[in-house]
Amino acid sequence: MCDDPGVADDEIAQPVPCARCKNGALLNMAGHCSDCIADMGLNHREEHATWRAELAELVKSGELTGA
């Protein structure tokens, strides 16, 4: 339950489509769902390295703060 009376409970979390698999996911980091991040890390090392470099740039630029 959200403590903010201006936000309805069903507005707190909404699935976001993954840029890679297009499935909606509540856990999404820099456009990718956790399943795709794991798959890249285990099976597609070059794609994972590219994603990690893009993630680092987002953090450096301040566009992705984790807040």
PDB file of N, CA and C in Angstrom:
ATOM      1  N   MET A   1       0.848  -1.173   0.000  1.00  0.00           N
ATOM      2  CA  MET A   1       0.000   0.000   0.000  1.00  0.00           C
ATOM      3  C   MET A   1       0.895   1.238   0.000  1.00  0.00           C
ATOM      4  N   CYS A   2       0.545   2.188  -0.815  1.00  0.00           N
ATOM      5  CA  CYS A   2       1.302   3.435  -0.926  1.00  0.00           C
ATOM      6  C   CYS A   2       0.853   4.424   0.148  1.00  0.00           C
ATOM      7  N   ASP A   3       1.822   5.099   0.747  1.00  0.00           N
ATOM      8  CA  ASP A   3       1.514   6.091   1.785  1.00  0.00           C
ATOM      9  C   ASP A   3       1.048   7.422   1.212  1.00  0.00           C
ATOM     10  N   ASP A   4       1.258   7.648  -0.072  1.00  0.00           N
ATOM     11  CA  ASP A   4       0.869   8.906  -0.708  1.00  0.00           C
ATOM     12  C   ASP A   4      -0.608   8.831  -1.096  1.00  0.00           C
ATOM     13  N   PRO A   5      -1.473   9.652  -0.488  1.00  0.00           N
ATOM     14  CA  PRO A   5      -2.906   9.581  -0.806  1.00  0.00           C
ATOM     15  C   PRO A   5      -3.228   9.988  -2.240  1.00  0.00           C
ATOM     16  N   GLY A   6      -2.299  10.647  -2.936  1.00  0.00           N
ATOM     17  CA  GLY A   6      -2.541  11.064  -4.310  1.00  0.00           C
ATOM     18  C   GLY A   6      -2.232   9.992  -5.335  1.00  0.00           C
ATOM     19  N   VAL A   7      -1.727   8.852  -4.887  1.00  0.00           N
ATOM     20  CA  VAL A   7      -1.361   7.778  -5.802  1.00  0.00           C
ATOM     21  C   VAL A   7      -2.180   6.539  -5.469  1.00  0.00           C
ATOM     22  N   ALA A   8      -2.928   6.053  -6.446  1.00  0.00           N
ATOM     23  CA  ALA A   8      -3.707   4.836  -6.249  1.00  0.00           C
ATOM     24  C   ALA A   8      -2.766   3.634  -6.222  1.00  0.00           C
ATOM     25  N   ASP A   9      -3.140   2.607  -5.488  1.00  0.00           N
ATOM     26  CA  ASP A   9      -2.291   1.423  -5.366  1.00  0.00           C
ATOM     27  C   ASP A   9      -1.964   0.796  -6.718  1.00  0.00           C
ATOM     28  N   ASP A  10      -2.913   0.810  -7.655  1.00  0.00           N
ATOM     29  CA  ASP A  10      -2.655   0.188  -8.943  1.00  0.00           C
ATOM     30  C   ASP A  10      -1.759   1.047  -9.843  1.00  0.00           C
ATOM     31  N   GLU A  11      -1.412   2.249  -9.431  1.00  0.00           N
ATOM     32  CA  GLU A  11      -0.531   3.112 -10.216  1.00  0.00           C
ATOM     33  C   GLU A  11       0.923   3.022  -9.758  1.00  0.00           C
ATOM     34  N   ILE A  12       1.191   2.311  -8.684  1.00  0.00           N
ATOM     35  CA  ILE A  12       2.540   2.272  -8.128  1.00  0.00           C
ATOM     36  C   ILE A  12       3.510   1.560  -9.055  1.00  0.00           C
ATOM     37  N   ALA A  13       3.169   0.375  -9.500  1.00  0.00           N
ATOM     38  CA  ALA A  13       4.071  -0.406 -10.348  1.00  0.00           C
ATOM     39  C   ALA A  13       3.319  -0.889 -11.578  1.00  0.00           C
ATOM     40  N   GLN A  14       3.886  -0.619 -12.712  1.00  0.00           N
ATOM     41  CA  GLN A  14       3.312  -1.059 -13.975  1.00  0.00           C
ATOM     42  C   GLN A  14       4.395  -1.779 -14.764  1.00  0.00           C
ATOM     43  N   PRO A  15       4.070  -2.872 -15.444  1.00  0.00           N
ATOM     44  CA  PRO A  15       5.067  -3.565 -16.261  1.00  0.00           C
ATOM     45  C   PRO A  15       5.590  -2.659 -17.372  1.00  0.00           C
ATOM     46  N   VAL A  16       6.871  -2.771 -17.626  1.00  0.00           N
ATOM     47  CA  VAL A  16       7.530  -2.004 -18.684  1.00  0.00           C
ATOM     48  C   VAL A  16       8.061  -3.014 -19.699  1.00  0.00           C
ATOM     49  N   PRO A  17       7.825  -2.804 -20.998  1.00  0.00           N
ATOM     50  CA  PRO A  17       8.315  -3.757 -21.986  1.00  0.00           C
ATOM     51  C   PRO A  17       9.844  -3.745 -22.058  1.00  0.00           C
ATOM     52  N   CYS A  18      10.406  -4.929 -22.128  1.00  0.00           N
ATOM     53  CA  CYS A  18      11.855  -5.094 -22.268  1.00  0.00           C
ATOM     54  C   CYS A  18      12.251  -4.743 -23.700  1.00  0.00           C
ATOM     55  N   ALA A  19      13.366  -4.049 -23.852  1.00  0.00           N
ATOM     56  CA  ALA A  19      13.838  -3.669 -25.176  1.00  0.00           C
ATOM     57  C   ALA A  19      14.294  -4.882 -25.981  1.00  0.00           C
ATOM     58  N   ARG A  20      14.625  -5.957 -25.298  1.00  0.00           N
ATOM     59  CA  ARG A  20      15.163  -7.136 -25.969  1.00  0.00           C
ATOM     60  C   ARG A  20      14.081  -8.165 -26.297  1.00  0.00           C
ATOM     61  N   CYS A  21      13.287  -8.579 -25.309  1.00  0.00           N
ATOM     62  CA  CYS A  21      12.295  -9.635 -25.528  1.00  0.00           C
ATOM     63  C   CYS A  21      10.871  -9.100 -25.708  1.00  0.00           C
ATOM     64  N   LYS A  22      10.674  -7.828 -25.393  1.00  0.00           N
ATOM     65  CA  LYS A  22       9.376  -7.139 -25.522  1.00  0.00           C
ATOM     66  C   LYS A  22       8.344  -7.579 -24.489  1.00  0.00           C
ATOM     67  N   ASN A  23       8.690  -8.478 -23.563  1.00  0.00           N
ATOM     68  CA  ASN A  23       7.760  -8.877 -22.502  1.00  0.00           C
ATOM     69  C   ASN A  23       7.698  -7.779 -21.448  1.00  0.00           C
ATOM     70  N   GLY A  24       6.534  -7.601 -20.856  1.00  0.00           N
ATOM     71  CA  GLY A  24       6.379  -6.633 -19.781  1.00  0.00           C
ATOM     72  C   GLY A  24       6.981  -7.184 -18.495  1.00  0.00           C
ATOM     73  N   ALA A  25       7.720  -6.347 -17.779  1.00  0.00           N
ATOM     74  CA  ALA A  25       8.344  -6.787 -16.525  1.00  0.00           C
ATOM     75  C   ALA A  25       8.335  -5.647 -15.522  1.00  0.00           C
ATOM     76  N   LEU A  26       8.120  -5.980 -14.253  1.00  0.00           N
ATOM     77  CA  LEU A  26       8.186  -4.979 -13.193  1.00  0.00           C
ATOM     78  C   LEU A  26       9.632  -4.639 -12.859  1.00  0.00           C
ATOM     79  N   LEU A  27      10.528  -5.628 -12.980  1.00  0.00           N
ATOM     80  CA  LEU A  27      11.942  -5.401 -12.723  1.00  0.00           C
ATOM     81  C   LEU A  27      12.629  -5.155 -14.053  1.00  0.00           C
ATOM     82  N   ASN A  28      13.068  -3.921 -14.260  1.00  0.00           N
ATOM     83  CA  ASN A  28      13.642  -3.510 -15.535  1.00  0.00           C
ATOM     84  C   ASN A  28      14.810  -2.581 -15.244  1.00  0.00           C
ATOM     85  N   MET A  29      15.975  -2.876 -15.812  1.00  0.00           N
ATOM     86  CA  MET A  29      17.141  -2.034 -15.601  1.00  0.00           C
ATOM     87  C   MET A  29      17.653  -1.547 -16.955  1.00  0.00           C
ATOM     88  N   ALA A  30      17.596  -0.241 -17.130  1.00  0.00           N
ATOM     89  CA  ALA A  30      18.063   0.384 -18.371  1.00  0.00           C
ATOM     90  C   ALA A  30      17.446  -0.285 -19.594  1.00  0.00           C
ATOM     91  N   GLY A  31      16.147  -0.570 -19.513  1.00  0.00           N
ATOM     92  CA  GLY A  31      15.421  -1.078 -20.662  1.00  0.00           C
ATOM     93  C   GLY A  31      15.377  -2.580 -20.816  1.00  0.00           C
ATOM     94  N   HIS A  32      16.044  -3.324 -19.946  1.00  0.00           N
ATOM     95  CA  HIS A  32      16.087  -4.778 -20.075  1.00  0.00           C
ATOM     96  C   HIS A  32      15.536  -5.450 -18.823  1.00  0.00           C
ATOM     97  N   CYS A  33      14.775  -6.520 -19.032  1.00  0.00           N
ATOM     98  CA  CYS A  33      14.229  -7.276 -17.904  1.00  0.00           C
ATOM     99  C   CYS A  33      15.325  -8.157 -17.306  1.00  0.00           C
ATOM    100  N   SER A  34      15.091  -8.612 -16.095  1.00  0.00           N
ATOM    101  CA  SER A  34      16.090  -9.416 -15.398  1.00  0.00           C
ATOM    102  C   SER A  34      16.362 -10.737 -16.119  1.00  0.00           C
ATOM    103  N   ASP A  35      15.353 -11.324 -16.756  1.00  0.00           N
ATOM    104  CA  ASP A  35      15.570 -12.569 -17.495  1.00  0.00           C
ATOM    105  C   ASP A  35      16.545 -12.353 -18.656  1.00  0.00           C
ATOM    106  N   CYS A  36      16.391 -11.258 -19.379  1.00  0.00           N
ATOM    107  CA  CYS A  36      17.288 -10.977 -20.503  1.00  0.00           C
ATOM    108  C   CYS A  36      18.691 -10.627 -20.024  1.00  0.00           C
ATOM    109  N   ILE A  37      18.788  -9.895 -18.920  1.00  0.00           N
ATOM    110  CA  ILE A  37      20.104  -9.562 -18.378  1.00  0.00           C
ATOM    111  C   ILE A  37      20.835 -10.848 -18.010  1.00  0.00           C
ATOM    112  N   ALA A  38      20.138 -11.771 -17.355  1.00  0.00           N
ATOM    113  CA  ALA A  38      20.749 -13.054 -16.993  1.00  0.00           C
ATOM    114  C   ALA A  38      21.130 -13.848 -18.231  1.00  0.00           C
ATOM    115  N   ASP A  39      20.248 -13.895 -19.227  1.00  0.00           N
ATOM    116  CA  ASP A  39      20.545 -14.637 -20.451  1.00  0.00           C
ATOM    117  C   ASP A  39      21.759 -14.058 -21.162  1.00  0.00           C
ATOM    118  N   MET A  40      21.828 -12.733 -21.234  1.00  0.00           N
ATOM    119  CA  MET A  40      22.998 -12.114 -21.873  1.00  0.00           C
ATOM    120  C   MET A  40      24.270 -12.470 -21.110  1.00  0.00           C
ATOM    121  N   GLY A  41      24.221 -12.395 -19.783  1.00  0.00           N
ATOM    122  CA  GLY A  41      25.397 -12.681 -18.976  1.00  0.00           C
ATOM    123  C   GLY A  41      25.863 -14.118 -19.095  1.00  0.00           C
ATOM    124  N   LEU A  42      24.933 -15.040 -19.265  1.00  0.00           N
ATOM    125  CA  LEU A  42      25.288 -16.455 -19.344  1.00  0.00           C
ATOM    126  C   LEU A  42      25.572 -16.947 -20.755  1.00  0.00           C
ATOM    127  N   ASN A  43      24.841 -16.427 -21.734  1.00  0.00           N
ATOM    128  CA  ASN A  43      24.897 -16.997 -23.082  1.00  0.00           C
ATOM    129  C   ASN A  43      25.343 -16.051 -24.189  1.00  0.00           C
ATOM    130  N   HIS A  44      25.353 -14.767 -23.931  1.00  0.00           N
ATOM    131  CA  HIS A  44      25.659 -13.786 -24.975  1.00  0.00           C
ATOM    132  C   HIS A  44      26.592 -12.729 -24.398  1.00  0.00           C
ATOM    133  N   ARG A  45      27.824 -13.108 -24.153  1.00  0.00           N
ATOM    134  CA  ARG A  45      28.784 -12.259 -23.438  1.00  0.00           C
ATOM    135  C   ARG A  45      29.025 -10.911 -24.124  1.00  0.00           C
ATOM    136  N   GLU A  46      29.141 -10.901 -25.440  1.00  0.00           N
ATOM    137  CA  GLU A  46      29.389  -9.634 -26.137  1.00  0.00           C
ATOM    138  C   GLU A  46      28.201  -8.684 -26.000  1.00  0.00           C
ATOM    139  N   GLU A  47      27.000  -9.208 -26.130  1.00  0.00           N
ATOM    140  CA  GLU A  47      25.798  -8.386 -25.975  1.00  0.00           C
ATOM    141  C   GLU A  47      25.713  -7.849 -24.544  1.00  0.00           C
ATOM    142  N   HIS A  48      26.076  -8.684 -23.564  1.00  0.00           N
ATOM    143  CA  HIS A  48      26.062  -8.265 -22.165  1.00  0.00           C
ATOM    144  C   HIS A  48      27.088  -7.159 -21.926  1.00  0.00           C
ATOM    145  N   ALA A  49      28.277  -7.304 -22.505  1.00  0.00           N
ATOM    146  CA  ALA A  49      29.320  -6.277 -22.345  1.00  0.00           C
ATOM    147  C   ALA A  49      28.874  -4.948 -22.947  1.00  0.00           C
ATOM    148  N   THR A  50      28.205  -5.000 -24.081  1.00  0.00           N
ATOM    149  CA  THR A  50      27.691  -3.787 -24.716  1.00  0.00           C
ATOM    150  C   THR A  50      26.632  -3.133 -23.833  1.00  0.00           C
ATOM    151  N   TRP A  51      25.723  -3.942 -23.301  1.00  0.00           N
ATOM    152  CA  TRP A  51      24.686  -3.425 -22.412  1.00  0.00           C
ATOM    153  C   TRP A  51      25.301  -2.809 -21.161  1.00  0.00           C
ATOM    154  N   ARG A  52      26.308  -3.458 -20.590  1.00  0.00           N
ATOM    155  CA  ARG A  52      26.971  -2.929 -19.387  1.00  0.00           C
ATOM    156  C   ARG A  52      27.644  -1.590 -19.685  1.00  0.00           C
ATOM    157  N   ALA A  53      28.258  -1.448 -20.854  1.00  0.00           N
ATOM    158  CA  ALA A  53      28.892  -0.180 -21.227  1.00  0.00           C
ATOM    159  C   ALA A  53      27.836   0.918 -21.366  1.00  0.00           C
ATOM    160  N   GLU A  54      26.699   0.592 -21.983  1.00  0.00           N
ATOM    161  CA  GLU A  54      25.605   1.561 -22.109  1.00  0.00           C
ATOM    162  C   GLU A  54      25.069   1.937 -20.735  1.00  0.00           C
ATOM    163  N   LEU A  55      24.944   0.967 -19.849  1.00  0.00           N
ATOM    164  CA  LEU A  55      24.477   1.213 -18.489  1.00  0.00           C
ATOM    165  C   LEU A  55      25.440   2.155 -17.758  1.00  0.00           C
ATOM    166  N   ALA A  56      26.735   1.913 -17.893  1.00  0.00           N
ATOM    167  CA  ALA A  56      27.733   2.769 -17.247  1.00  0.00           C
ATOM    168  C   ALA A  56      27.627   4.208 -17.744  1.00  0.00           C
ATOM    169  N   GLU A  57      27.382   4.393 -19.028  1.00  0.00           N
ATOM    170  CA  GLU A  57      27.234   5.743 -19.587  1.00  0.00           C
ATOM    171  C   GLU A  57      25.984   6.428 -19.035  1.00  0.00           C
ATOM    172  N   LEU A  58      24.896   5.674 -18.878  1.00  0.00           N
ATOM    173  CA  LEU A  58      23.677   6.249 -18.310  1.00  0.00           C
ATOM    174  C   LEU A  58      23.909   6.705 -16.875  1.00  0.00           C
ATOM    175  N   VAL A  59      24.655   5.923 -16.119  1.00  0.00           N
ATOM    176  CA  VAL A  59      24.941   6.289 -14.732  1.00  0.00           C
ATOM    177  C   VAL A  59      25.840   7.523 -14.696  1.00  0.00           C
ATOM    178  N   LYS A  60      26.894   7.530 -15.520  1.00  0.00           N
ATOM    179  CA  LYS A  60      27.812   8.671 -15.564  1.00  0.00           C
ATOM    180  C   LYS A  60      27.110   9.962 -15.951  1.00  0.00           C
ATOM    181  N   SER A  61      26.192   9.871 -16.883  1.00  0.00           N
ATOM    182  CA  SER A  61      25.491  11.064 -17.367  1.00  0.00           C
ATOM    183  C   SER A  61      24.451  11.563 -16.367  1.00  0.00           C
ATOM    184  N   GLY A  62      24.106  10.726 -15.400  1.00  0.00           N
ATOM    185  CA  GLY A  62      23.078  11.099 -14.436  1.00  0.00           C
ATOM    186  C   GLY A  62      21.675  10.753 -14.884  1.00  0.00           C
ATOM    187  N   GLU A  63      21.557  10.201 -16.088  1.00  0.00           N
ATOM    188  CA  GLU A  63      20.225   9.837 -16.607  1.00  0.00           C
ATOM    189  C   GLU A  63      19.637   8.676 -15.821  1.00  0.00           C
ATOM    190  N   LEU A  64      20.488   7.797 -15.316  1.00  0.00           N
ATOM    191  CA  LEU A  64      20.046   6.672 -14.495  1.00  0.00           C
ATOM    192  C   LEU A  64      20.709   6.824 -13.137  1.00  0.00           C
ATOM    193  N   THR A  65      19.906   7.149 -12.141  1.00  0.00           N
ATOM    194  CA  THR A  65      20.464   7.419 -10.821  1.00  0.00           C
ATOM    195  C   THR A  65      20.196   6.297  -9.830  1.00  0.00           C
ATOM    196  N   GLY A  66      19.264   5.424 -10.130  1.00  0.00           N
ATOM    197  CA  GLY A  66      18.919   4.367  -9.202  1.00  0.00           C
ATOM    198  C   GLY A  66      17.957   4.816  -8.130  1.00  0.00           C
ATOM    199  N   ALA A  67      17.519   6.061  -8.206  1.00  0.00           N
ATOM    200  CA  ALA A  67      16.595   6.576  -7.189  1.00  0.00           C
ATOM    201  C   ALA A  67      15.168   6.351  -7.604  1.00  0.00           C
TER     202      ALA A  67
END
